[in-house]
Amino acid sequence: MPAHSLKTIQKIPISLERAWDYFSNPVNLQAITPDNMGFKVISKHHGDKMYAGQIIEYTVKPVLGISIYWMTEITQVKDKEYFIDEQRFGPYSLWHHQHHFKEIPGGVEMTDIVHYKNPLSFLGNIANALFVKNKLKSIFDYRYKKVEELFGAWGGK
């Protein structure tokens, strides 16, 4: 079965440096994740600056308030351009998340591309159709609104 994917694009009226500093810091992810997800960074040695090979550990409560351990690795980083995180342990059988940043007149265009696959083969595909896909979309919709609250709504073209 093929992986599922999700792509979001958001224009933000801030400098590329400010966007990179904020979004490449794993601690800030909690502020732009819905409270009902119970998202918490628990790793103690992930460092202040992002680098390839960096391990970041979290707990998250995606379904019925049940806490799940999640470990990701930052596999690629190109300063102020993109970084990629991949799940090493957690709820998915595949999680590959690309974060792209591009300077545009008046701000930054941020693009997220997620490829994911649920465990349990056809049951995972049923779960995706019933709630996983919509849950992920709602998380990114929430994130979009929170980013606007933090940095302002895009007013450019």
Foldseek 3Di string as FASTA:
>chain_A
DFWDKDKDKAWFQDALVVVLLQVQAVQNVVLQFDVQFVKDWDDDPQDNGDDAQGKTWIWTQLPPRDIKIWIWTFHDDDPSAKIWIWTPDTFFPTWIKIWGWDADVRGIMIMIMITTHGPDPPVRVVCCVVPPVVSVVVRVVSSNVSSCVVGNHDDDD
